[in-house]
Every structure is written in C-alpha cells, then in structure tokens.
Amino acid sequence: MRTATIKRKTKETDIEVAIDLDGTGASDVATGIGFFDHMLDLLARHSRIDLTVKAVGDLHIDFHHTTEDVGIALGQAVKQALGDMAGITRYASLHMPMDETLTRVAIDISGRPFLVFKADFPRDKIGEFDTELVREWFNAFAINAGVTLHVETLYGDNSHHIAESCFKGLARALRAAVAIDPRNAGEVPSTKGRLGG
C-alpha cells in the first residue's frame, strides 16, 4: 500500500493530509480557501491519487501560511508513500492546455528537490487568492516531496486558466511518474541503485 498520512501543527496552521498513490482520484479537501480547494480537488482527480486535506489556518491574516503548509505536508506525504521508489516510472513530462493557456510540466522523482517555475499572472488575485501563492505552493511541494519539478506557462491570458493548467499539468505528470513500470521489475530507476542524492 503506497499510502501516507502527515500531520503538521504550528502556531499558524493545523493540517492533516492523507494520500493513496494507487487510488481513484477521490478527494475530501477543506482548507477554508475556495480557489485552493478547487486546485487540490482537480490535482487529485487528474493524478488519480486519493487525497484528504483538512487545514485550519490563520486566514484572518492572509492565505500564505495555509497554502504553503499544505504544500509542505502534501510533499512529505508523497515522499513517504513512495518509500524506496522501487519500480516507479520516475520521469514524466507533458503540455497541458487550458483554453488559451498552455503550460509545460516536467518531473523527475529524483530525491533531489528543485523547482523551476515560470508563469506570469495578468492579475494579482483570483477571487481572494493571491496568484503569487501558486509558486509558493509548488515550491513547498517540490522541496518536501524531493522532486525536481519544472513548470512553465508558455502562453496564457487568464489567471485562473494559468493556475489551473499548472495544477492539472502536475497532476498528470505525477500520475505517470509514480506509476509502477512492470519492466522495472521492482528496481530503483537509477544507475546509482538508489534515489535521493
């Protein structure tokens, strides 16, 4: 069972995340941030990773701490659920269209965390959600999942579509990269014999 549950409690947030990498895409998400919940729901649906997120944060200040801390917890959950990463496909890349927007996402489940994020948002907010938090979430996720992640919006005019194409692109890349490749015969996909540095 490639599952994990992470609990993270600070003075700013109280978060519980549970995942099943081999799920059906079911989600039960409640962060108190409507747009963010929407992004996490579609992340689950398109990755086919079952995802539960319960977050209580200092939303009276802003959405930053909750968004970032959910990224931290979800990244940690993915890393824990992957275990020694034996048999995984490891790499995936794709172009994700969303109406007028096109985003390229590439991932390497390498154990070496790195993020390249290139997306320009025409607006500072999507509803009440600060668009700068999209990058913050991706950074927190990539660093804590231990993945190399490249996200680049090649073009797009609508901030909602840009954010959605980034999350959907990650979802589909994750779906492919965490999948068990029967040709790997349970081996770690690295000439080093291990992943993680």
N, C-alpha and C. Protein backbone atom coordinates (compact mmCIF):
# COMPACT_ATOMS: atom_id res chain seq x y z
N MET A 1 0.85 -1.20 0.00
CA MET A 1 0.00 0.00 0.00
C MET A 1 0.88 1.25 0.00
N ARG A 2 0.76 2.05 -1.04
CA ARG A 2 1.55 3.28 -1.11
C ARG A 2 0.70 4.44 -0.58
N THR A 3 0.61 4.48 0.73
CA THR A 3 -0.23 5.47 1.40
C THR A 3 0.60 6.21 2.44
N ALA A 4 0.10 7.36 2.85
CA ALA A 4 0.77 8.12 3.91
C ALA A 4 -0.21 9.10 4.52
N THR A 5 0.01 9.40 5.78
CA THR A 5 -0.73 10.44 6.49
C THR A 5 0.28 11.33 7.19
N ILE A 6 0.15 12.61 6.98
CA ILE A 6 1.05 13.59 7.60
C ILE A 6 0.21 14.58 8.41
N LYS A 7 0.64 14.80 9.64
CA LYS A 7 0.01 15.82 10.48
C LYS A 7 1.06 16.90 10.77
N ARG A 8 0.65 18.14 10.57
CA ARG A 8 1.57 19.27 10.78
C ARG A 8 0.82 20.34 11.56
N LYS A 9 1.35 20.67 12.73
CA LYS A 9 0.71 21.69 13.55
C LYS A 9 1.75 22.72 13.97
N THR A 10 1.46 23.98 13.69
CA THR A 10 2.31 25.09 14.11
C THR A 10 1.41 26.13 14.76
N LYS A 11 1.99 27.26 15.12
CA LYS A 11 1.18 28.35 15.67
C LYS A 11 0.31 29.00 14.60
N GLU A 12 0.63 28.70 13.33
CA GLU A 12 -0.09 29.32 12.22
C GLU A 12 -1.11 28.41 11.57
N THR A 13 -0.86 27.09 11.58
CA THR A 13 -1.74 26.15 10.89
C THR A 13 -1.84 24.83 11.63
N ASP A 14 -2.92 24.12 11.38
CA ASP A 14 -3.13 22.75 11.88
C ASP A 14 -3.63 21.95 10.68
N ILE A 15 -2.79 21.05 10.17
CA ILE A 15 -3.05 20.40 8.90
C ILE A 15 -2.91 18.89 9.01
N GLU A 16 -3.82 18.17 8.36
CA GLU A 16 -3.69 16.72 8.19
C GLU A 16 -3.92 16.40 6.73
N VAL A 17 -2.98 15.66 6.16
CA VAL A 17 -3.04 15.24 4.77
C VAL A 17 -2.92 13.73 4.71
N ALA A 18 -3.78 13.08 3.95
CA ALA A 18 -3.69 11.64 3.72
C ALA A 18 -3.78 11.38 2.22
N ILE A 19 -2.92 10.48 1.72
CA ILE A 19 -2.94 10.16 0.30
C ILE A 19 -2.84 8.66 0.08
N ASP A 20 -3.32 8.25 -1.10
CA ASP A 20 -3.15 6.89 -1.61
C ASP A 20 -2.73 7.04 -3.06
N LEU A 21 -1.46 6.74 -3.35
CA LEU A 21 -0.94 6.92 -4.70
C LEU A 21 -1.64 6.03 -5.71
N ASP A 22 -2.23 4.95 -5.26
CA ASP A 22 -2.88 4.00 -6.17
C ASP A 22 -4.40 4.07 -6.05
N GLY A 23 -4.90 5.27 -5.83
CA GLY A 23 -6.33 5.47 -5.63
C GLY A 23 -7.09 5.67 -6.93
N THR A 24 -8.22 6.34 -6.80
CA THR A 24 -9.11 6.58 -7.95
C THR A 24 -9.28 8.06 -8.25
N GLY A 25 -8.61 8.91 -7.46
CA GLY A 25 -8.77 10.35 -7.64
C GLY A 25 -9.81 10.97 -6.73
N ALA A 26 -10.24 10.23 -5.72
CA ALA A 26 -11.22 10.76 -4.76
C ALA A 26 -10.57 11.85 -3.92
N SER A 27 -11.33 12.88 -3.59
CA SER A 27 -10.79 13.96 -2.77
C SER A 27 -11.79 14.41 -1.72
N ASP A 28 -11.25 14.81 -0.59
CA ASP A 28 -12.02 15.40 0.50
C ASP A 28 -11.15 16.52 1.05
N VAL A 29 -11.38 17.73 0.54
CA VAL A 29 -10.48 18.84 0.79
C VAL A 29 -11.22 19.99 1.45
N ALA A 30 -10.67 20.50 2.53
CA ALA A 30 -11.25 21.66 3.20
C ALA A 30 -10.12 22.48 3.82
N THR A 31 -9.77 23.58 3.15
CA THR A 31 -8.71 24.46 3.65
C THR A 31 -9.25 25.81 4.10
N GLY A 32 -10.52 26.09 3.77
CA GLY A 32 -11.08 27.41 4.04
C GLY A 32 -10.79 28.40 2.94
N ILE A 33 -10.10 27.96 1.88
CA ILE A 33 -9.75 28.81 0.74
C ILE A 33 -10.38 28.19 -0.50
N GLY A 34 -11.46 28.78 -0.98
CA GLY A 34 -12.24 28.17 -2.05
C GLY A 34 -11.45 27.84 -3.30
N PHE A 35 -10.70 28.79 -3.83
CA PHE A 35 -9.95 28.54 -5.06
C PHE A 35 -8.90 27.46 -4.85
N PHE A 36 -8.22 27.49 -3.71
CA PHE A 36 -7.20 26.49 -3.40
C PHE A 36 -7.81 25.10 -3.29
N ASP A 37 -8.98 24.99 -2.66
CA ASP A 37 -9.68 23.71 -2.59
C ASP A 37 -9.95 23.17 -4.00
N HIS A 38 -10.35 24.07 -4.89
CA HIS A 38 -10.62 23.70 -6.29
C HIS A 38 -9.37 23.13 -6.95
N MET A 39 -8.22 23.76 -6.72
CA MET A 39 -6.96 23.29 -7.31
C MET A 39 -6.58 21.92 -6.76
N LEU A 40 -6.76 21.72 -5.45
CA LEU A 40 -6.41 20.43 -4.85
C LEU A 40 -7.37 19.33 -5.28
N ASP A 41 -8.64 19.66 -5.45
CA ASP A 41 -9.61 18.68 -5.96
C ASP A 41 -9.22 18.20 -7.35
N LEU A 42 -8.86 19.14 -8.23
CA LEU A 42 -8.51 18.72 -9.58
C LEU A 42 -7.15 18.03 -9.62
N LEU A 43 -6.25 18.38 -8.68
CA LEU A 43 -4.99 17.66 -8.58
C LEU A 43 -5.25 16.19 -8.27
N ALA A 44 -6.14 15.92 -7.33
CA ALA A 44 -6.49 14.54 -7.00
C ALA A 44 -7.14 13.84 -8.19
N ARG A 45 -8.13 14.49 -8.77
CA ARG A 45 -8.89 13.86 -9.86
C ARG A 45 -8.00 13.46 -11.03
N HIS A 46 -7.12 14.37 -11.44
CA HIS A 46 -6.33 14.10 -12.65
C HIS A 46 -5.07 13.29 -12.39
N SER A 47 -4.62 13.22 -11.14
CA SER A 47 -3.48 12.35 -10.81
C SER A 47 -3.93 10.94 -10.45
N ARG A 48 -5.22 10.78 -10.15
CA ARG A 48 -5.79 9.53 -9.64
C ARG A 48 -5.22 9.17 -8.28
N ILE A 49 -4.72 10.18 -7.57
CA ILE A 49 -4.25 9.99 -6.20
C ILE A 49 -5.38 10.38 -5.25
N ASP A 50 -5.79 9.47 -4.38
CA ASP A 50 -6.80 9.81 -3.38
C ASP A 50 -6.18 10.81 -2.41
N LEU A 51 -6.94 11.87 -2.10
CA LEU A 51 -6.37 12.96 -1.32
C LEU A 51 -7.39 13.48 -0.31
N THR A 52 -6.95 13.50 0.95
CA THR A 52 -7.74 14.15 2.00
C THR A 52 -6.88 15.26 2.59
N VAL A 53 -7.43 16.45 2.66
CA VAL A 53 -6.73 17.59 3.25
C VAL A 53 -7.68 18.31 4.19
N LYS A 54 -7.30 18.38 5.44
CA LYS A 54 -8.04 19.17 6.43
C LYS A 54 -7.08 20.20 6.99
N ALA A 55 -7.38 21.46 6.77
CA ALA A 55 -6.47 22.53 7.19
C ALA A 55 -7.23 23.64 7.88
N VAL A 56 -6.71 24.05 9.02
CA VAL A 56 -7.20 25.22 9.73
C VAL A 56 -6.00 26.16 9.87
N GLY A 57 -6.13 27.36 9.33
CA GLY A 57 -5.00 28.28 9.36
C GLY A 57 -5.41 29.68 9.72
N ASP A 58 -4.43 30.55 9.81
CA ASP A 58 -4.66 31.94 10.20
C ASP A 58 -5.13 32.78 9.01
N LEU A 59 -6.28 32.41 8.49
CA LEU A 59 -6.81 33.07 7.30
C LEU A 59 -7.18 34.52 7.56
N HIS A 60 -7.31 34.89 8.82
CA HIS A 60 -7.59 36.29 9.15
C HIS A 60 -6.39 37.18 8.83
N ILE A 61 -5.21 36.56 8.71
CA ILE A 61 -4.02 37.32 8.31
C ILE A 61 -3.94 37.35 6.78
N ASP A 62 -3.76 36.18 6.18
CA ASP A 62 -3.87 36.00 4.73
C ASP A 62 -3.83 34.50 4.45
N PHE A 63 -3.71 34.13 3.17
CA PHE A 63 -3.77 32.72 2.80
C PHE A 63 -2.39 32.07 2.70
N HIS A 64 -1.33 32.83 2.95
CA HIS A 64 0.03 32.36 2.68
C HIS A 64 0.39 31.13 3.51
N HIS A 65 0.25 31.22 4.83
CA HIS A 65 0.69 30.12 5.69
C HIS A 65 -0.06 28.82 5.39
N THR A 66 -1.37 28.92 5.19
CA THR A 66 -2.16 27.72 4.92
C THR A 66 -1.76 27.10 3.59
N THR A 67 -1.61 27.92 2.57
CA THR A 67 -1.24 27.41 1.24
C THR A 67 0.12 26.74 1.28
N GLU A 68 1.11 27.41 1.85
CA GLU A 68 2.46 26.86 1.90
C GLU A 68 2.53 25.60 2.75
N ASP A 69 1.88 25.61 3.91
CA ASP A 69 1.96 24.46 4.81
C ASP A 69 1.25 23.23 4.25
N VAL A 70 0.18 23.44 3.49
CA VAL A 70 -0.45 22.30 2.81
C VAL A 70 0.52 21.74 1.77
N GLY A 71 1.24 22.60 1.07
CA GLY A 71 2.25 22.13 0.12
C GLY A 71 3.34 21.32 0.81
N ILE A 72 3.78 21.78 1.97
CA ILE A 72 4.79 21.05 2.74
C ILE A 72 4.27 19.66 3.13
N ALA A 73 3.07 19.62 3.70
CA ALA A 73 2.51 18.35 4.18
C ALA A 73 2.23 17.39 3.03
N LEU A 74 1.70 17.91 1.92
CA LEU A 74 1.41 17.03 0.78
C LEU A 74 2.70 16.50 0.17
N GLY A 75 3.71 17.35 0.08
CA GLY A 75 5.00 16.88 -0.42
C GLY A 75 5.57 15.79 0.46
N GLN A 76 5.51 15.97 1.77
CA GLN A 76 6.01 14.96 2.70
C GLN A 76 5.22 13.65 2.57
N ALA A 77 3.92 13.77 2.35
CA ALA A 77 3.09 12.58 2.19
C ALA A 77 3.47 11.80 0.94
N VAL A 78 3.69 12.50 -0.17
CA VAL A 78 4.08 11.84 -1.41
C VAL A 78 5.42 11.13 -1.22
N LYS A 79 6.38 11.82 -0.61
CA LYS A 79 7.69 11.22 -0.39
C LYS A 79 7.59 9.97 0.48
N GLN A 80 6.81 10.04 1.54
CA GLN A 80 6.64 8.89 2.43
C GLN A 80 5.95 7.73 1.72
N ALA A 81 4.92 8.04 0.96
CA ALA A 81 4.17 6.98 0.27
C ALA A 81 5.02 6.29 -0.80
N LEU A 82 5.97 7.01 -1.39
CA LEU A 82 6.82 6.42 -2.43
C LEU A 82 7.85 5.45 -1.84
N GLY A 83 8.17 5.58 -0.56
CA GLY A 83 9.12 4.67 0.06
C GLY A 83 10.47 4.71 -0.63
N ASP A 84 11.00 3.54 -1.01
CA ASP A 84 12.32 3.49 -1.66
C ASP A 84 12.24 3.74 -3.16
N MET A 85 11.02 3.98 -3.66
CA MET A 85 10.77 4.34 -5.06
C MET A 85 11.04 3.20 -6.04
N ALA A 86 11.16 2.00 -5.54
CA ALA A 86 11.42 0.86 -6.41
C ALA A 86 10.27 0.66 -7.40
N GLY A 87 10.63 0.48 -8.65
CA GLY A 87 9.66 0.15 -9.68
C GLY A 87 8.94 1.32 -10.32
N ILE A 88 9.13 2.54 -9.80
CA ILE A 88 8.38 3.67 -10.36
C ILE A 88 8.91 4.06 -11.74
N THR A 89 8.07 4.75 -12.50
CA THR A 89 8.46 5.24 -13.81
C THR A 89 9.49 6.36 -13.69
N ARG A 90 9.38 7.18 -12.68
CA ARG A 90 10.28 8.25 -12.26
C ARG A 90 10.12 9.54 -13.06
N TYR A 91 10.22 9.51 -14.37
CA TYR A 91 10.16 10.73 -15.18
C TYR A 91 8.81 10.87 -15.88
N ALA A 92 8.38 12.11 -16.07
CA ALA A 92 7.21 12.38 -16.89
C ALA A 92 7.23 13.84 -17.31
N SER A 93 6.69 14.10 -18.48
CA SER A 93 6.54 15.49 -18.95
C SER A 93 5.37 15.57 -19.89
N LEU A 94 4.77 16.75 -19.95
CA LEU A 94 3.62 16.93 -20.83
C LEU A 94 3.34 18.41 -21.02
N HIS A 95 2.51 18.70 -22.01
CA HIS A 95 1.97 20.03 -22.22
C HIS A 95 0.49 19.98 -21.85
N MET A 96 0.08 20.90 -20.97
CA MET A 96 -1.30 20.93 -20.50
C MET A 96 -2.02 22.16 -21.06
N PRO A 97 -2.98 21.95 -21.96
CA PRO A 97 -3.77 23.08 -22.46
C PRO A 97 -4.94 23.38 -21.54
N MET A 98 -5.26 24.64 -21.42
CA MET A 98 -6.46 25.08 -20.71
C MET A 98 -6.98 26.30 -21.45
N ASP A 99 -7.89 26.06 -22.38
CA ASP A 99 -8.40 27.12 -23.25
C ASP A 99 -7.23 27.83 -23.94
N GLU A 100 -7.04 29.13 -23.68
CA GLU A 100 -5.99 29.90 -24.39
C GLU A 100 -4.60 29.69 -23.79
N THR A 101 -4.52 28.93 -22.70
CA THR A 101 -3.28 28.77 -21.95
C THR A 101 -2.63 27.42 -22.27
N LEU A 102 -1.29 27.42 -22.31
CA LEU A 102 -0.55 26.18 -22.47
C LEU A 102 0.62 26.19 -21.49
N THR A 103 0.68 25.14 -20.66
CA THR A 103 1.73 25.01 -19.65
C THR A 103 2.47 23.70 -19.84
N ARG A 104 3.78 23.79 -19.74
CA ARG A 104 4.63 22.60 -19.83
C ARG A 104 5.07 22.21 -18.41
N VAL A 105 4.93 20.92 -18.08
CA VAL A 105 5.35 20.41 -16.78
C VAL A 105 6.23 19.19 -16.99
N ALA A 106 7.37 19.18 -16.30
CA ALA A 106 8.27 18.02 -16.34
C ALA A 106 8.68 17.70 -14.92
N ILE A 107 8.71 16.41 -14.58
CA ILE A 107 9.04 15.99 -13.23
C ILE A 107 10.03 14.84 -13.25
N ASP A 108 10.92 14.86 -12.28
CA ASP A 108 11.84 13.75 -12.03
C ASP A 108 11.75 13.44 -10.54
N ILE A 109 11.26 12.26 -10.22
CA ILE A 109 11.19 11.85 -8.82
C ILE A 109 12.58 11.33 -8.46
N SER A 110 13.45 12.28 -8.18
CA SER A 110 14.87 12.01 -8.07
C SER A 110 15.37 11.93 -6.64
N GLY A 111 14.58 12.46 -5.69
CA GLY A 111 15.08 12.61 -4.34
C GLY A 111 15.91 13.88 -4.17
N ARG A 112 16.08 14.62 -5.29
CA ARG A 112 16.83 15.88 -5.25
C ARG A 112 15.85 17.02 -5.53
N PRO A 113 15.46 17.75 -4.50
CA PRO A 113 14.42 18.76 -4.67
C PRO A 113 14.91 20.00 -5.41
N PHE A 114 14.13 20.39 -6.41
CA PHE A 114 14.43 21.61 -7.17
C PHE A 114 13.17 22.04 -7.90
N LEU A 115 12.95 23.34 -7.93
CA LEU A 115 11.80 23.88 -8.66
C LEU A 115 12.25 24.97 -9.61
N VAL A 116 11.80 24.85 -10.86
CA VAL A 116 11.85 25.96 -11.81
C VAL A 116 10.40 26.29 -12.13
N PHE A 117 9.99 27.50 -11.83
CA PHE A 117 8.59 27.90 -12.02
C PHE A 117 8.56 29.21 -12.79
N LYS A 118 7.99 29.16 -13.99
CA LYS A 118 7.91 30.34 -14.84
C LYS A 118 6.47 30.51 -15.31
N ALA A 119 5.77 31.40 -14.66
CA ALA A 119 4.38 31.70 -15.04
C ALA A 119 4.10 33.14 -14.66
N ASP A 120 3.61 33.90 -15.59
CA ASP A 120 3.22 35.29 -15.35
C ASP A 120 1.71 35.37 -15.27
N PHE A 121 1.22 35.91 -14.17
CA PHE A 121 -0.22 36.05 -13.97
C PHE A 121 -0.65 37.49 -14.28
N PRO A 122 -1.61 37.67 -15.17
CA PRO A 122 -2.07 39.01 -15.51
C PRO A 122 -2.68 39.76 -14.32
N ARG A 123 -3.24 39.03 -13.37
CA ARG A 123 -3.88 39.65 -12.21
C ARG A 123 -3.17 39.22 -10.93
N ASP A 124 -3.25 40.06 -9.92
CA ASP A 124 -2.65 39.74 -8.62
C ASP A 124 -3.47 38.75 -7.82
N LYS A 125 -4.76 38.66 -8.13
CA LYS A 125 -5.65 37.78 -7.37
C LYS A 125 -6.58 37.01 -8.31
N ILE A 126 -6.93 35.82 -7.85
CA ILE A 126 -8.01 35.03 -8.46
C ILE A 126 -9.07 34.94 -7.37
N GLY A 127 -10.12 35.71 -7.49
CA GLY A 127 -11.04 35.86 -6.37
C GLY A 127 -10.28 36.55 -5.24
N GLU A 128 -10.19 35.88 -4.09
CA GLU A 128 -9.43 36.41 -2.96
C GLU A 128 -8.05 35.78 -2.84
N PHE A 129 -7.71 34.89 -3.75
CA PHE A 129 -6.47 34.13 -3.69
C PHE A 129 -5.35 34.88 -4.40
N ASP A 130 -4.24 35.16 -3.70
CA ASP A 130 -3.10 35.84 -4.31
C ASP A 130 -2.40 34.91 -5.30
N THR A 131 -2.23 35.36 -6.53
CA THR A 131 -1.63 34.49 -7.55
C THR A 131 -0.18 34.14 -7.22
N GLU A 132 0.53 34.97 -6.45
CA GLU A 132 1.91 34.64 -6.07
C GLU A 132 1.98 33.38 -5.22
N LEU A 133 0.85 32.99 -4.62
CA LEU A 133 0.84 31.79 -3.78
C LEU A 133 0.89 30.50 -4.60
N VAL A 134 0.60 30.58 -5.89
CA VAL A 134 0.71 29.39 -6.73
C VAL A 134 2.16 28.91 -6.71
N ARG A 135 3.09 29.82 -6.96
CA ARG A 135 4.50 29.45 -6.91
C ARG A 135 4.91 28.99 -5.52
N GLU A 136 4.43 29.65 -4.49
CA GLU A 136 4.78 29.26 -3.11
C GLU A 136 4.36 27.82 -2.84
N TRP A 137 3.16 27.45 -3.31
CA TRP A 137 2.69 26.09 -3.09
C TRP A 137 3.56 25.09 -3.85
N PHE A 138 3.86 25.38 -5.11
CA PHE A 138 4.68 24.47 -5.91
C PHE A 138 6.07 24.31 -5.30
N ASN A 139 6.64 25.38 -4.79
CA ASN A 139 7.96 25.30 -4.16
C ASN A 139 7.91 24.42 -2.91
N ALA A 140 6.92 24.65 -2.06
CA ALA A 140 6.79 23.85 -0.84
C ALA A 140 6.60 22.38 -1.18
N PHE A 141 5.78 22.10 -2.18
CA PHE A 141 5.53 20.72 -2.58
C PHE A 141 6.79 20.05 -3.11
N ALA A 142 7.46 20.70 -4.06
CA ALA A 142 8.63 20.09 -4.70
C ALA A 142 9.74 19.82 -3.70
N ILE A 143 10.02 20.79 -2.83
CA ILE A 143 11.12 20.64 -1.86
C ILE A 143 10.83 19.49 -0.91
N ASN A 144 9.60 19.39 -0.44
CA ASN A 144 9.27 18.38 0.56
C ASN A 144 8.98 17.01 -0.04
N ALA A 145 8.58 16.96 -1.31
CA ALA A 145 8.41 15.67 -1.99
C ALA A 145 9.75 15.12 -2.45
N GLY A 146 10.76 15.99 -2.54
CA GLY A 146 12.07 15.56 -3.02
C GLY A 146 12.08 15.31 -4.51
N VAL A 147 11.39 16.17 -5.26
CA VAL A 147 11.31 16.01 -6.71
C VAL A 147 11.93 17.21 -7.41
N THR A 148 12.43 16.97 -8.60
CA THR A 148 12.83 18.05 -9.50
C THR A 148 11.61 18.34 -10.36
N LEU A 149 11.17 19.60 -10.33
CA LEU A 149 9.92 19.97 -11.00
C LEU A 149 10.11 21.24 -11.80
N HIS A 150 9.76 21.17 -13.07
CA HIS A 150 9.81 22.33 -13.96
C HIS A 150 8.39 22.63 -14.43
N VAL A 151 7.95 23.85 -14.19
CA VAL A 151 6.61 24.29 -14.59
C VAL A 151 6.77 25.61 -15.34
N GLU A 152 6.32 25.64 -16.59
CA GLU A 152 6.45 26.86 -17.38
C GLU A 152 5.19 27.08 -18.21
N THR A 153 4.53 28.19 -17.97
CA THR A 153 3.40 28.56 -18.80
C THR A 153 3.94 29.25 -20.05
N LEU A 154 3.72 28.62 -21.18
CA LEU A 154 4.26 29.14 -22.44
C LEU A 154 3.48 30.35 -22.92
N TYR A 155 2.18 30.33 -22.70
CA TYR A 155 1.34 31.49 -23.00
C TYR A 155 0.00 31.32 -22.33
N GLY A 156 -0.67 32.44 -22.13
CA GLY A 156 -1.98 32.44 -21.48
C GLY A 156 -2.36 33.84 -21.06
N ASP A 157 -3.66 34.11 -21.03
CA ASP A 157 -4.16 35.45 -20.72
C ASP A 157 -5.01 35.50 -19.45
N ASN A 158 -5.53 34.36 -19.02
CA ASN A 158 -6.47 34.32 -17.91
C ASN A 158 -5.78 33.69 -16.70
N SER A 159 -5.73 34.42 -15.59
CA SER A 159 -5.00 33.94 -14.41
C SER A 159 -5.55 32.62 -13.89
N HIS A 160 -6.87 32.46 -13.89
CA HIS A 160 -7.48 31.21 -13.43
C HIS A 160 -7.00 30.05 -14.31
N HIS A 161 -7.01 30.25 -15.62
CA HIS A 161 -6.59 29.20 -16.54
C HIS A 161 -5.11 28.87 -16.37
N ILE A 162 -4.29 29.88 -16.12
CA ILE A 162 -2.85 29.65 -15.92
C ILE A 162 -2.63 28.79 -14.68
N ALA A 163 -3.25 29.16 -13.57
CA ALA A 163 -3.09 28.38 -12.34
C ALA A 163 -3.62 26.96 -12.54
N GLU A 164 -4.76 26.84 -13.15
CA GLU A 164 -5.36 25.51 -13.33
C GLU A 164 -4.51 24.63 -14.23
N SER A 165 -3.92 25.21 -15.27
CA SER A 165 -3.07 24.41 -16.15
C SER A 165 -1.82 23.94 -15.42
N CYS A 166 -1.32 24.74 -14.49
CA CYS A 166 -0.15 24.32 -13.69
C CYS A 166 -0.50 23.14 -12.79
N PHE A 167 -1.62 23.23 -12.09
CA PHE A 167 -2.02 22.15 -11.18
C PHE A 167 -2.41 20.89 -11.96
N LYS A 168 -3.15 21.05 -13.05
CA LYS A 168 -3.52 19.88 -13.85
C LYS A 168 -2.30 19.24 -14.49
N GLY A 169 -1.36 20.08 -14.93
CA GLY A 169 -0.12 19.54 -15.50
C GLY A 169 0.66 18.74 -14.49
N LEU A 170 0.77 19.26 -13.27
CA LEU A 170 1.43 18.49 -12.22
C LEU A 170 0.70 17.19 -11.96
N ALA A 171 -0.62 17.24 -11.92
CA ALA A 171 -1.42 16.04 -11.66
C ALA A 171 -1.11 14.94 -12.67
N ARG A 172 -1.14 15.30 -13.94
CA ARG A 172 -0.91 14.28 -14.97
C ARG A 172 0.54 13.80 -14.97
N ALA A 173 1.49 14.70 -14.67
CA ALA A 173 2.88 14.28 -14.61
C ALA A 173 3.11 13.34 -13.43
N LEU A 174 2.52 13.68 -12.28
CA LEU A 174 2.63 12.80 -11.11
C LEU A 174 2.03 11.43 -11.39
N ARG A 175 0.87 11.44 -12.02
CA ARG A 175 0.19 10.18 -12.33
C ARG A 175 1.12 9.24 -13.11
N ALA A 176 1.82 9.80 -14.10
CA ALA A 176 2.71 8.98 -14.92
C ALA A 176 3.99 8.61 -14.17
N ALA A 177 4.56 9.57 -13.43
CA ALA A 177 5.86 9.34 -12.81
C ALA A 177 5.81 8.38 -11.63
N VAL A 178 4.72 8.40 -10.85
CA VAL A 178 4.64 7.49 -9.69
C VAL A 178 4.13 6.11 -10.08
N ALA A 179 3.66 5.97 -11.31
CA ALA A 179 3.13 4.67 -11.76
C ALA A 179 4.22 3.61 -11.72
N ILE A 180 3.82 2.40 -11.36
CA ILE A 180 4.76 1.28 -11.36
C ILE A 180 4.95 0.80 -12.79
N ASP A 181 6.20 0.74 -13.22
CA ASP A 181 6.56 0.26 -14.56
C ASP A 181 6.92 -1.22 -14.44
N PRO A 182 6.09 -2.10 -15.01
CA PRO A 182 6.35 -3.54 -14.86
C PRO A 182 7.70 -3.96 -15.44
N ARG A 183 8.25 -3.16 -16.35
CA ARG A 183 9.56 -3.50 -16.93
C ARG A 183 10.70 -3.21 -15.95
N ASN A 184 10.41 -2.42 -14.92
CA ASN A 184 11.45 -2.12 -13.92
C ASN A 184 11.65 -3.26 -12.94
N ALA A 185 10.71 -4.19 -12.89
CA ALA A 185 10.82 -5.40 -12.05
C ALA A 185 11.21 -5.06 -10.62
N GLY A 186 10.63 -3.97 -10.08
CA GLY A 186 10.88 -3.62 -8.70
C GLY A 186 12.22 -2.95 -8.44
N GLU A 187 12.96 -2.63 -9.49
CA GLU A 187 14.26 -1.99 -9.32
C GLU A 187 14.08 -0.49 -9.13
N VAL A 188 15.01 0.13 -8.41
CA VAL A 188 15.05 1.58 -8.31
C VAL A 188 15.57 2.11 -9.65
N PRO A 189 14.82 3.04 -10.27
CA PRO A 189 15.21 3.51 -11.62
C PRO A 189 16.36 4.51 -11.60
N SER A 190 17.54 4.02 -11.26
CA SER A 190 18.73 4.85 -11.22
C SER A 190 19.96 3.96 -11.40
N THR A 191 20.93 4.43 -12.15
CA THR A 191 22.18 3.67 -12.31
C THR A 191 22.96 3.61 -11.01
N LYS A 192 22.63 4.51 -10.07
CA LYS A 192 23.29 4.51 -8.76
C LYS A 192 22.76 3.41 -7.86
N GLY A 193 21.56 2.89 -8.21
CA GLY A 193 20.94 1.88 -7.37
C GLY A 193 20.10 2.47 -6.26
N ARG A 194 20.05 3.81 -6.18
CA ARG A 194 19.22 4.47 -5.20
C ARG A 194 18.90 5.87 -5.71
N LEU A 195 17.83 6.42 -5.15
CA LEU A 195 17.44 7.79 -5.46
C LEU A 195 17.56 8.64 -4.20
N GLY A 196 17.91 9.87 -4.38
CA GLY A 196 17.98 10.76 -3.24
C GLY A 196 19.33 11.43 -3.04
N GLY A 197 20.09 11.54 -4.12
CA GLY A 197 21.36 12.26 -3.99
C GLY A 197 22.54 11.41 -4.40
